[in-house]
Amino acid sequence: MLTALVLICAAAAAVEPLDCTRNNASTVMRMPAEFGNPATCFMHAQAYLAGSQIGRDLDANERVRIICVPR
């Protein structure tokens, strides 16, 4: 089973989303659910972020990366 980590990094720390890691993220959110495949994990993580206050308060100077990892 997979769970999603939503990483939010400052643009200065991560020019590209792939540069955003757990080590340089200003915010790390773990989804409270598990998924059977990566596509489902990714889609639910996007919706989870969009429905959160953190997701609504993102600005142009932040980068978002979603990674699905084994639980």
C-alpha atoms as a PDB file:
ATOM      1  CA  MET A   1       0.000   0.000   0.000  1.00  0.00           C
ATOM      2  CA  LEU A   2       1.062   3.561  -0.715  1.00  0.00           C
ATOM      3  CA  THR A   3       0.595   6.808   1.136  1.00  0.00           C
ATOM      4  CA  ALA A   4       1.212  10.294  -0.234  1.00  0.00           C
ATOM      5  CA  LEU A   5       3.641  12.890   1.006  1.00  0.00           C
ATOM      6  CA  VAL A   6       2.927  16.451  -0.101  1.00  0.00           C
ATOM      7  CA  LEU A   7       6.107  18.523  -0.058  1.00  0.00           C
ATOM      8  CA  ILE A   8       6.042  22.315  -0.284  1.00  0.00           C
ATOM      9  CA  CYS A   9       9.313  24.124  -0.917  1.00  0.00           C
ATOM     10  CA  ALA A  10      10.318  27.726  -1.413  1.00  0.00           C
ATOM     11  CA  ALA A  11      11.270  28.518  -5.002  1.00  0.00           C
ATOM     12  CA  ALA A  12      14.729  29.549  -3.788  1.00  0.00           C
ATOM     13  CA  ALA A  13      15.292  26.049  -2.399  1.00  0.00           C
ATOM     14  CA  ALA A  14      13.719  24.199  -5.319  1.00  0.00           C
ATOM     15  CA  VAL A  15      13.737  25.804  -8.752  1.00  0.00           C
ATOM     16  CA  GLU A  16      12.010  22.738 -10.234  1.00  0.00           C
ATOM     17  CA  PRO A  17       9.485  20.579  -8.367  1.00  0.00           C
ATOM     18  CA  LEU A  18      11.868  17.592  -8.549  1.00  0.00           C
ATOM     19  CA  ASP A  19      14.379  19.625  -6.526  1.00  0.00           C
ATOM     20  CA  CYS A  20      11.908  19.668  -3.626  1.00  0.00           C
ATOM     21  CA  THR A  21      12.795  16.922  -1.132  1.00  0.00           C
ATOM     22  CA  ARG A  22      11.906  16.022   2.438  1.00  0.00           C
ATOM     23  CA  ASN A  23      15.176  17.673   3.498  1.00  0.00           C
ATOM     24  CA  ASN A  24      14.485  21.130   2.041  1.00  0.00           C
ATOM     25  CA  ALA A  25      10.677  21.262   2.215  1.00  0.00           C
ATOM     26  CA  SER A  26       9.184  23.976   4.396  1.00  0.00           C
ATOM     27  CA  THR A  27       6.032  21.847   4.814  1.00  0.00           C
ATOM     28  CA  VAL A  28       5.580  18.070   4.670  1.00  0.00           C
ATOM     29  CA  MET A  29       2.053  16.677   4.822  1.00  0.00           C
ATOM     30  CA  ARG A  30       1.338  12.940   5.040  1.00  0.00           C
ATOM     31  CA  MET A  31      -2.030  11.767   3.736  1.00  0.00           C
ATOM     32  CA  PRO A  32      -4.036   9.860   6.334  1.00  0.00           C
ATOM     33  CA  ALA A  33      -5.055   7.211   3.763  1.00  0.00           C
ATOM     34  CA  GLU A  34      -3.497   4.335   1.822  1.00  0.00           C
ATOM     35  CA  PHE A  35      -3.849   3.555  -1.867  1.00  0.00           C
ATOM     36  CA  GLY A  36      -3.273   0.517  -4.035  1.00  0.00           C
ATOM     37  CA  ASN A  37      -1.676   2.246  -7.021  1.00  0.00           C
ATOM     38  CA  PRO A  38       0.351   5.409  -7.706  1.00  0.00           C
ATOM     39  CA  ALA A  39      -2.241   7.115  -9.942  1.00  0.00           C
ATOM     40  CA  THR A  40      -4.934   6.927  -7.272  1.00  0.00           C
ATOM     41  CA  CYS A  41      -2.462   8.055  -4.632  1.00  0.00           C
ATOM     42  CA  PHE A  42      -1.434  11.082  -6.697  1.00  0.00           C
ATOM     43  CA  MET A  43      -4.999  12.142  -7.558  1.00  0.00           C
ATOM     44  CA  HIS A  44      -6.212  11.910  -3.971  1.00  0.00           C
ATOM     45  CA  ALA A  45      -3.158  13.813  -2.733  1.00  0.00           C
ATOM     46  CA  GLN A  46      -3.896  16.655  -5.151  1.00  0.00           C
ATOM     47  CA  ALA A  47      -7.480  16.837  -3.900  1.00  0.00           C
ATOM     48  CA  TYR A  48      -6.311  16.652  -0.279  1.00  0.00           C
ATOM     49  CA  LEU A  49      -3.923  19.572  -0.818  1.00  0.00           C
ATOM     50  CA  ALA A  50      -6.528  21.625  -2.695  1.00  0.00           C
ATOM     51  CA  GLY A  51      -9.018  21.131   0.134  1.00  0.00           C
ATOM     52  CA  SER A  52      -6.597  22.219   2.847  1.00  0.00           C
ATOM     53  CA  GLN A  53      -5.850  25.714   4.086  1.00  0.00           C
ATOM     54  CA  ILE A  54      -2.190  25.199   3.162  1.00  0.00           C
ATOM     55  CA  GLY A  55      -3.185  24.438  -0.431  1.00  0.00           C
ATOM     56  CA  ARG A  56      -5.400  27.504  -0.645  1.00  0.00           C
ATOM     57  CA  ASP A  57      -2.636  29.758   0.714  1.00  0.00           C
ATOM     58  CA  LEU A  58       0.103  28.701  -1.740  1.00  0.00           C
ATOM     59  CA  ASP A  59       1.789  31.528  -3.597  1.00  0.00           C
ATOM     60  CA  ALA A  60       3.896  31.821  -6.728  1.00  0.00           C
ATOM     61  CA  ASN A  61       7.125  31.481  -4.720  1.00  0.00           C
ATOM     62  CA  GLU A  62       6.355  27.941  -3.576  1.00  0.00           C
ATOM     63  CA  ARG A  63       6.770  24.615  -5.354  1.00  0.00           C
ATOM     64  CA  VAL A  64       4.674  21.529  -4.676  1.00  0.00           C
ATOM     65  CA  ARG A  65       5.783  17.946  -5.107  1.00  0.00           C
ATOM     66  CA  ILE A  66       3.678  14.888  -4.371  1.00  0.00           C
ATOM     67  CA  ILE A  67       5.397  11.573  -3.842  1.00  0.00           C
ATOM     68  CA  CYS A  68       3.701   8.259  -3.159  1.00  0.00           C
ATOM     69  CA  VAL A  69       5.716   6.005  -0.882  1.00  0.00           C
ATOM     70  CA  PRO A  70       5.194   2.582   0.694  1.00  0.00           C
ATOM     71  CA  ARG A  71       3.521   2.834   4.068  1.00  0.00           C
END
